[in-house]
Amino acid sequence: MGAPGNATIRCVGGIAFDSHGRLLLIRRANDPGSGQWSLPGGRVEPGETDKEAVVRELLEETGLDVIPGTLVGTVTRGPYEIHDYRCEVAGGTLTAGDDASDARWAEAADLSRLEAAGELVDLLYVTLRDWEALPRA
């Protein structure tokens, strides 16, 4: 799904927590943000709903089956309009795949350290804080 001219590219992301309140993160294997930690997600393919794209993207990038819930918020990063949904993990085994070089569960202290070290994609920490979606653990 391209972005002719100044059109935006519709994307989705998943905000998922484990039973300990840790946040699901992936390390991006490709640009934008290659090598940085982010929420799992990606482009919405033609004919897909946002929720179908969330399920597909999280399975591809993390090996986890998720049930997407409510829209938490939307951000625009360059040509990408990203719609982030709260997700419940329903199964699978955490394994990095597709556009992710690594996948992990992050506690609040981990996320703070990644932010301080400049290892999170731009504005992720502040956006999650503003959305009250930081890890509880």
Protein backbone atom coordinates (compact mmCIF):
# COMPACT_ATOMS: atom_id res chain seq x y z
CA MET A 1 0.00 0.00 0.00
CA GLY A 2 1.92 3.02 -1.21
CA ALA A 3 1.60 6.68 -0.51
CA PRO A 4 1.38 8.65 -3.75
CA GLY A 5 2.30 12.29 -3.36
CA ASN A 6 1.69 13.46 0.17
CA ALA A 7 -0.72 10.64 1.06
CA THR A 8 -0.30 8.85 4.35
CA ILE A 9 0.40 5.16 4.79
CA ARG A 10 -2.05 3.54 7.21
CA CYS A 11 -0.33 1.41 9.84
CA VAL A 12 -1.28 -0.33 13.05
CA GLY A 13 0.51 -1.23 16.24
CA GLY A 14 -0.26 -3.48 19.17
CA ILE A 15 0.01 -2.51 22.82
CA ALA A 16 0.15 -5.80 24.70
CA PHE A 17 1.08 -6.66 28.27
CA ASP A 18 1.93 -10.00 29.82
CA SER A 19 0.44 -11.26 33.11
CA HIS A 20 3.20 -9.37 34.99
CA GLY A 21 2.29 -6.02 33.42
CA ARG A 22 5.33 -5.92 31.12
CA LEU A 23 5.01 -4.29 27.69
CA LEU A 24 5.65 -6.18 24.45
CA LEU A 25 8.43 -4.59 22.36
CA ILE A 26 10.27 -5.49 19.17
CA ARG A 27 13.65 -4.28 17.90
CA ARG A 28 13.14 -2.98 14.37
CA ALA A 29 15.20 -4.80 11.76
CA ASN A 30 14.49 -2.24 9.02
CA ASP A 31 14.05 1.50 8.58
CA PRO A 32 12.44 3.58 9.78
CA GLY A 33 14.03 3.09 13.20
CA SER A 34 16.29 0.14 12.38
CA GLY A 35 17.90 -1.18 15.57
CA GLN A 36 15.54 0.68 17.88
CA TRP A 37 12.84 -0.78 20.10
CA SER A 38 9.20 -0.14 19.22
CA LEU A 39 5.72 -1.53 19.49
CA PRO A 40 5.10 -4.39 17.06
CA GLY A 41 3.03 -3.49 14.03
CA GLY A 42 3.14 -2.42 10.41
CA ARG A 43 1.22 -1.47 7.31
CA VAL A 44 -2.43 -2.26 6.76
CA GLU A 45 -2.66 -4.27 3.53
CA PRO A 46 -5.35 -3.55 0.92
CA GLY A 47 -8.66 -5.14 1.94
CA GLU A 48 -7.60 -5.60 5.58
CA THR A 49 -9.27 -4.03 8.56
CA ASP A 50 -7.06 -2.49 11.25
CA LYS A 51 -7.80 -5.36 13.59
CA GLU A 52 -6.94 -7.99 10.96
CA ALA A 53 -3.66 -6.15 10.32
CA VAL A 54 -2.85 -6.06 14.06
CA VAL A 55 -3.37 -9.82 14.36
CA ARG A 56 -1.24 -10.52 11.27
CA GLU A 57 1.56 -8.09 12.14
CA LEU A 58 1.93 -9.24 15.75
CA LEU A 59 2.00 -12.88 14.72
CA GLU A 60 4.62 -12.15 12.02
CA GLU A 61 6.83 -10.02 14.29
CA THR A 62 6.44 -11.74 17.67
CA GLY A 63 5.01 -15.23 17.15
CA LEU A 64 2.10 -14.31 19.44
CA ASP A 65 -1.60 -14.69 18.73
CA VAL A 66 -3.46 -11.61 19.91
CA ILE A 67 -7.01 -10.41 20.24
CA PRO A 68 -7.13 -6.72 19.37
CA GLY A 69 -9.27 -4.49 21.53
CA THR A 70 -9.86 -0.77 21.69
CA LEU A 71 -7.96 1.93 19.84
CA VAL A 72 -5.60 3.55 22.35
CA GLY A 73 -4.41 6.37 20.10
CA THR A 74 -3.13 7.49 16.73
CA VAL A 75 0.18 9.14 15.85
CA THR A 76 1.68 10.41 12.62
CA ARG A 77 5.37 9.77 12.02
CA GLY A 78 6.44 11.06 8.62
CA PRO A 79 4.17 9.48 6.01
CA TYR A 80 2.93 6.85 8.48
CA GLU A 81 -0.40 7.23 10.30
CA ILE A 82 -0.19 4.63 13.08
CA HIS A 83 -3.29 3.42 14.92
CA ASP A 84 -2.30 1.62 18.13
CA TYR A 85 -4.68 -0.93 19.63
CA ARG A 86 -4.66 -2.57 23.05
CA CYS A 87 -4.21 -6.31 22.57
CA GLU A 88 -4.68 -9.40 24.69
CA VAL A 89 -2.21 -12.22 24.13
CA ALA A 90 -4.15 -15.41 23.42
CA GLY A 91 -1.27 -17.79 22.68
CA GLY A 92 1.91 -18.43 20.80
CA THR A 93 5.57 -18.29 21.79
CA LEU A 94 7.49 -15.02 21.85
CA THR A 95 9.91 -15.19 18.92
CA ALA A 96 11.26 -12.35 16.78
CA GLY A 97 10.37 -12.64 13.12
CA ASP A 98 9.67 -10.73 9.90
CA ASP A 99 10.67 -7.06 10.46
CA ALA A 100 11.83 -7.69 14.05
CA SER A 101 15.40 -8.62 14.95
CA ASP A 102 14.44 -9.20 18.59
CA ALA A 103 11.33 -9.29 20.78
CA ARG A 104 10.96 -8.90 24.53
CA TRP A 105 8.73 -8.05 27.46
CA ALA A 106 9.81 -4.78 29.11
CA GLU A 107 9.22 -3.69 32.69
CA ALA A 108 8.84 0.00 33.54
CA ALA A 109 12.52 0.25 34.55
CA ASP A 110 13.60 -1.42 31.29
CA LEU A 111 11.57 1.03 29.24
CA SER A 112 13.03 3.98 31.15
CA ARG A 113 16.57 2.69 30.56
CA LEU A 114 15.90 2.19 26.84
CA GLU A 115 14.50 5.72 26.61
CA ALA A 116 17.50 7.23 28.45
CA ALA A 117 19.90 5.35 26.15
CA GLY A 118 18.10 6.55 23.00
CA GLU A 119 17.16 2.99 22.07
CA LEU A 120 13.40 3.58 21.67
CA VAL A 121 11.90 4.92 18.45
CA ASP A 122 11.28 8.65 18.63
CA LEU A 123 8.50 9.75 20.97
CA LEU A 124 7.43 6.22 21.95
CA TYR A 125 7.98 6.72 25.67
CA VAL A 126 6.23 10.08 25.89
CA THR A 127 3.35 8.85 23.72
CA LEU A 128 2.79 5.76 25.88
CA ARG A 129 3.01 7.93 29.00
CA ASP A 130 0.43 10.37 27.61
CA TRP A 131 -1.85 7.44 26.72
CA GLU A 132 -1.36 5.92 30.21
CA ALA A 133 -0.03 2.78 28.52
CA LEU A 134 3.35 2.35 30.24
CA PRO A 135 4.24 -1.01 31.79
CA ARG A 136 2.83 -1.56 35.28
CA ALA A 137 5.66 -3.79 36.43
